[in-house]
Amino acid sequence: MTIDPGTVAAAVLDADGVLTDSRVLRAAAWQDTLDSYAAQYARATGRPQQALSVPAELRTELTALLDRDAAAELLRAHGYRSDLACRHLGPSGTDLLDLLVGHADQRFVELLRTEGVKARTGAAVLLLDLRAAGIRTAAVSTGRHCAELLRNAGLAHLMDGMVDATDAEHHHLAGPPEPALHQLALKLLHSTPGRAVLLTDNQETVTAGHRAGFGSVITVTRHGVGTGAPRNGPAVQDLEGVFVRPHVR
């Protein structure tokens, strides 16, 4: 897949699945949080402890702090009552999902700082090529701490803009499949959608990209192990399959 700087002025890339492998850390943070919650719930209610493993179909949603529905669905499926839990686990009026999201976010930062995160294969080279061609770049994450994440992966200095869940909360923006986050990224890059390319590994972000009007949406399938993204559009196995045509001055 070749990006032509003659028609493309901006590139927006997923921070979590395309630029880095942070979804592994985010899923681990959620699993630790759910394990702790299950133990506390059993102690508080006197009920037997049940395992709360993160099923594959919910892993992507649970890594996104903008989506509380996935966590609620998982708890309901295992018979957990939030009213009983919050009565014992938090101050009066505490929202259970807020409690869990906060714990998972804190655990993610701990894992990021102790275990680190790797840049995806080809990420640094592609970002350098995009900058050399005069194409501005932005990263989008549906979790928090995008800047620290990319600094840890050695990619932050190659980005012209970043958008994450903190921005979404500040501006009251919905996450994918709604296009608002990616429209904000385009605004930061001073680019129109038609002259921008989006690289993602997630079906909902593919939908968001089309709704935002991106000129091109490229799916990164990660060696055939994607997150439900369609195969009927432009697709590559990793970022080494994306090339930038040299800019002709």
Protein backbone atom coordinates (compact mmCIF):
# COMPACT_ATOMS: atom_id res chain seq x y z
CA MET A 1 0.00 0.00 0.00
CA THR A 2 1.50 3.34 -1.06
CA ILE A 3 0.65 6.75 0.37
CA ASP A 4 1.03 9.59 -2.13
CA PRO A 5 1.99 12.98 -0.60
CA GLY A 6 0.50 14.59 -3.68
CA THR A 7 -2.99 13.63 -2.49
CA VAL A 8 -2.44 12.99 1.23
CA ALA A 9 -1.60 15.79 3.68
CA ALA A 10 -2.23 14.01 6.99
CA ALA A 11 -2.10 10.53 8.51
CA VAL A 12 -3.99 9.43 11.63
CA LEU A 13 -2.92 6.18 13.29
CA ASP A 14 -4.28 4.10 16.19
CA ALA A 15 -1.92 4.41 19.15
CA ASP A 16 -2.93 1.14 20.80
CA GLY A 17 -3.11 -1.44 18.03
CA VAL A 18 -1.18 0.05 15.13
CA LEU A 19 1.69 2.10 16.58
CA THR A 20 2.19 0.03 19.77
CA ASP A 21 1.15 -3.27 21.32
CA SER A 22 -0.37 -1.56 24.37
CA ARG A 23 -3.62 -3.52 24.10
CA VAL A 24 -1.74 -6.36 25.81
CA LEU A 25 -1.05 -4.08 28.79
CA ARG A 26 -4.57 -2.62 28.83
CA ALA A 27 -6.14 -6.09 28.79
CA ALA A 28 -3.77 -7.21 31.58
CA ALA A 29 -4.70 -4.14 33.62
CA TRP A 30 -8.39 -4.97 33.25
CA GLN A 31 -7.82 -8.61 34.18
CA ASP A 32 -5.94 -7.62 37.36
CA THR A 33 -8.74 -5.18 38.20
CA LEU A 34 -11.47 -7.78 37.69
CA ASP A 35 -9.58 -10.39 39.73
CA SER A 36 -9.29 -7.93 42.61
CA TYR A 37 -12.93 -6.92 42.29
CA ALA A 38 -14.15 -10.54 42.30
CA ALA A 39 -12.23 -11.24 45.51
CA GLN A 40 -13.55 -8.08 47.21
CA TYR A 41 -17.10 -8.82 46.07
CA ALA A 42 -16.95 -12.32 47.54
CA ARG A 43 -15.69 -11.00 50.87
CA ALA A 44 -18.25 -8.19 50.98
CA THR A 45 -21.30 -10.25 50.04
CA GLY A 46 -20.40 -13.66 51.46
CA ARG A 47 -20.95 -15.22 48.06
CA PRO A 48 -18.55 -17.70 46.42
CA GLN A 49 -15.88 -16.04 44.32
CA GLN A 50 -16.30 -16.45 40.56
CA ALA A 51 -13.56 -15.99 38.01
CA LEU A 52 -14.00 -12.91 35.82
CA SER A 53 -11.82 -13.65 32.83
CA VAL A 54 -11.88 -11.19 29.94
CA PRO A 55 -13.38 -13.03 26.93
CA ALA A 56 -11.81 -12.47 23.53
CA GLU A 57 -14.86 -10.72 22.12
CA LEU A 58 -14.73 -8.10 24.90
CA ARG A 59 -10.98 -7.55 25.04
CA THR A 60 -10.90 -4.67 22.58
CA GLU A 61 -13.85 -2.92 24.21
CA LEU A 62 -12.42 -3.28 27.71
CA THR A 63 -9.15 -1.68 26.68
CA ALA A 64 -11.10 1.41 25.67
CA LEU A 65 -11.96 3.56 28.66
CA LEU A 66 -14.68 5.28 26.63
CA ASP A 67 -16.79 2.11 26.52
CA ARG A 68 -18.34 1.21 29.88
CA ASP A 69 -20.96 -1.08 28.34
CA ALA A 70 -18.51 -3.96 27.84
CA ALA A 71 -17.56 -4.03 31.52
CA ALA A 72 -21.22 -3.84 32.55
CA GLU A 73 -22.07 -6.71 30.19
CA LEU A 74 -19.31 -8.88 31.63
CA LEU A 75 -20.46 -8.27 35.21
CA ARG A 76 -24.10 -8.96 34.38
CA ALA A 77 -23.18 -12.20 32.61
CA HIS A 78 -21.55 -13.45 35.82
CA GLY A 79 -24.43 -12.40 38.07
CA TYR A 80 -22.64 -9.56 39.84
CA ARG A 81 -24.93 -6.91 41.33
CA SER A 82 -23.45 -3.44 41.26
CA ASP A 83 -25.71 -2.23 44.06
CA LEU A 84 -24.30 -4.85 46.44
CA ALA A 85 -20.75 -4.20 45.31
CA CYS A 86 -20.81 -0.44 45.64
CA ARG A 87 -22.39 -0.62 49.06
CA HIS A 88 -19.22 -2.33 50.31
CA LEU A 89 -16.45 -1.29 47.91
CA GLY A 90 -16.82 2.47 47.63
CA PRO A 91 -18.24 5.62 49.19
CA SER A 92 -21.99 6.18 49.12
CA GLY A 93 -23.13 6.97 45.59
CA THR A 94 -20.04 5.46 43.96
CA ASP A 95 -20.63 4.20 40.42
CA LEU A 96 -19.18 0.71 40.08
CA LEU A 97 -17.97 1.20 36.52
CA ASP A 98 -16.26 4.46 37.47
CA LEU A 99 -14.54 2.55 40.28
CA LEU A 100 -13.37 -0.24 37.98
CA VAL A 101 -12.28 2.10 35.19
CA GLY A 102 -10.23 4.13 37.65
CA HIS A 103 -8.52 1.05 39.03
CA ALA A 104 -7.82 -0.36 35.56
CA ASP A 105 -6.39 2.96 34.43
CA GLN A 106 -4.09 3.14 37.44
CA ARG A 107 -2.95 -0.45 36.88
CA PHE A 108 -2.25 0.26 33.20
CA VAL A 109 0.06 3.14 34.12
CA GLU A 110 1.87 0.89 36.60
CA LEU A 111 2.39 -1.78 33.94
CA LEU A 112 3.45 0.79 31.36
CA ARG A 113 6.11 2.18 33.69
CA THR A 114 7.40 -1.18 34.94
CA GLU A 115 7.11 -3.41 31.87
CA GLY A 116 7.20 -0.84 29.07
CA VAL A 117 5.61 -1.13 25.66
CA LYS A 118 7.03 -1.89 22.23
CA ALA A 119 6.48 -0.01 19.02
CA ARG A 120 4.89 -2.12 16.31
CA THR A 121 7.07 -3.41 13.51
CA GLY A 122 7.68 -0.67 10.96
CA ALA A 123 6.07 2.11 13.02
CA ALA A 124 9.13 4.34 13.45
CA VAL A 125 10.23 3.98 9.82
CA LEU A 126 6.75 4.81 8.49
CA LEU A 127 6.45 7.89 10.71
CA LEU A 128 9.87 9.11 9.58
CA ASP A 129 8.91 8.58 5.94
CA LEU A 130 5.63 10.43 6.42
CA ARG A 131 7.38 13.40 8.00
CA ALA A 132 10.03 13.44 5.27
CA ALA A 133 7.24 13.64 2.71
CA GLY A 134 5.60 16.57 4.51
CA ILE A 135 2.64 14.52 5.76
CA ARG A 136 1.55 15.51 9.26
CA THR A 137 0.79 12.71 11.73
CA ALA A 138 -1.53 12.22 14.71
CA ALA A 139 -2.17 9.31 17.06
CA VAL A 140 -5.60 8.46 18.48
CA SER A 141 -6.24 6.31 21.56
CA THR A 142 -9.54 5.44 23.22
CA GLY A 143 -7.62 5.05 26.47
CA ARG A 144 -5.81 7.67 28.51
CA HIS A 145 -2.08 8.42 28.70
CA CYS A 146 -1.44 8.47 24.94
CA ALA A 147 1.54 10.82 25.27
CA GLU A 148 3.24 8.70 27.93
CA LEU A 149 2.48 5.56 25.93
CA LEU A 150 4.16 6.89 22.79
CA ARG A 151 7.11 8.31 24.74
CA ASN A 152 7.63 4.88 26.26
CA ALA A 153 7.58 3.31 22.79
CA GLY A 154 10.01 5.93 21.42
CA LEU A 155 7.49 7.42 18.99
CA ALA A 156 6.18 10.61 20.64
CA HIS A 157 8.72 12.90 18.96
CA LEU A 158 7.48 11.72 15.55
CA MET A 159 3.88 12.86 16.12
CA ASP A 160 2.36 16.25 15.31
CA GLY A 161 -0.73 15.63 17.42
CA MET A 162 -2.32 13.19 19.87
CA VAL A 163 -5.93 12.59 20.92
CA ASP A 164 -7.06 10.25 23.69
CA ALA A 165 -9.83 9.58 26.21
CA THR A 166 -8.86 12.62 28.26
CA ASP A 167 -9.61 14.85 25.26
CA ALA A 168 -12.84 12.96 24.64
CA GLU A 169 -13.99 13.55 28.20
CA HIS A 170 -12.96 17.22 28.10
CA HIS A 171 -14.83 17.90 24.85
CA HIS A 172 -17.69 15.43 25.59
CA LEU A 173 -16.92 13.34 22.50
CA ALA A 174 -18.14 9.81 21.82
CA GLY A 175 -15.64 7.13 20.84
CA PRO A 176 -15.70 4.92 17.73
CA PRO A 177 -17.75 4.09 15.76
CA GLU A 178 -18.63 7.77 16.10
CA PRO A 179 -16.13 9.94 14.18
CA ALA A 180 -15.64 12.73 16.74
CA LEU A 181 -12.20 11.67 18.05
CA HIS A 182 -10.78 11.37 14.56
CA GLN A 183 -12.33 14.63 13.47
CA LEU A 184 -10.54 16.27 16.41
CA ALA A 185 -7.26 14.71 15.26
CA LEU A 186 -7.80 16.15 11.78
CA LYS A 187 -8.49 19.55 13.30
CA LEU A 188 -5.17 19.39 15.16
CA LEU A 189 -3.42 18.60 11.88
CA HIS A 190 -5.26 21.38 10.00
CA SER A 191 -6.34 18.83 7.41
CA THR A 192 -9.55 18.13 5.54
CA PRO A 193 -10.79 14.51 5.76
CA GLY A 194 -10.48 13.90 2.02
CA ARG A 195 -6.73 14.59 2.14
CA ALA A 196 -6.11 12.29 5.10
CA VAL A 197 -5.42 8.58 5.57
CA LEU A 198 -6.42 6.52 8.61
CA LEU A 199 -4.57 3.38 9.72
CA THR A 200 -6.40 1.13 12.18
CA ASP A 201 -6.81 -2.50 13.21
CA ASN A 202 -10.30 -2.12 14.65
CA GLN A 203 -13.70 -2.50 12.99
CA GLU A 204 -15.35 0.33 14.91
CA THR A 205 -12.52 2.70 13.97
CA VAL A 206 -12.87 1.69 10.32
CA THR A 207 -16.50 2.77 10.58
CA ALA A 208 -15.49 6.00 12.33
CA GLY A 209 -12.99 6.74 9.59
CA HIS A 210 -15.57 6.33 6.84
CA ARG A 211 -18.06 8.47 8.75
CA ALA A 212 -15.42 11.17 9.18
CA GLY A 213 -14.83 11.14 5.42
CA PHE A 214 -11.19 10.02 5.35
CA GLY A 215 -9.86 9.76 1.83
CA SER A 216 -8.46 6.32 2.63
CA VAL A 217 -8.83 3.86 5.52
CA ILE A 218 -6.15 1.18 5.73
CA THR A 219 -6.67 -1.90 7.91
CA VAL A 220 -3.61 -3.31 9.67
CA THR A 221 -4.46 -6.98 10.20
CA ARG A 222 -1.43 -7.80 12.37
CA HIS A 223 -0.45 -11.01 10.54
CA GLY A 224 -4.05 -12.05 10.14
CA VAL A 225 -4.99 -11.53 13.79
CA GLY A 226 -7.08 -8.39 13.61
CA THR A 227 -9.93 -7.19 15.79
CA GLY A 228 -12.76 -7.80 13.40
CA ALA A 229 -11.76 -5.25 10.79
CA PRO A 230 -13.10 -6.00 7.30
CA ARG A 231 -10.93 -7.48 4.58
CA ASN A 232 -12.73 -5.83 1.64
CA GLY A 233 -10.76 -2.55 1.79
CA PRO A 234 -7.03 -1.74 1.68
CA ALA A 235 -5.26 -4.01 4.17
CA VAL A 236 -1.69 -4.78 5.22
CA GLN A 237 -0.28 -7.27 7.71
CA ASP A 238 1.89 -4.68 9.45
CA LEU A 239 3.27 -1.20 8.87
CA GLU A 240 6.17 -2.55 6.81
CA GLY A 241 3.53 -3.03 4.12
CA VAL A 242 2.82 0.71 3.96
CA PHE A 243 5.09 2.85 1.79
CA VAL A 244 5.32 6.59 1.20
CA ARG A 245 6.00 7.85 -2.31
CA PRO A 246 8.94 10.28 -2.22
CA HIS A 247 7.80 13.88 -2.26
CA VAL A 248 8.65 15.67 -5.51
CA ARG A 249 9.51 19.31 -4.86
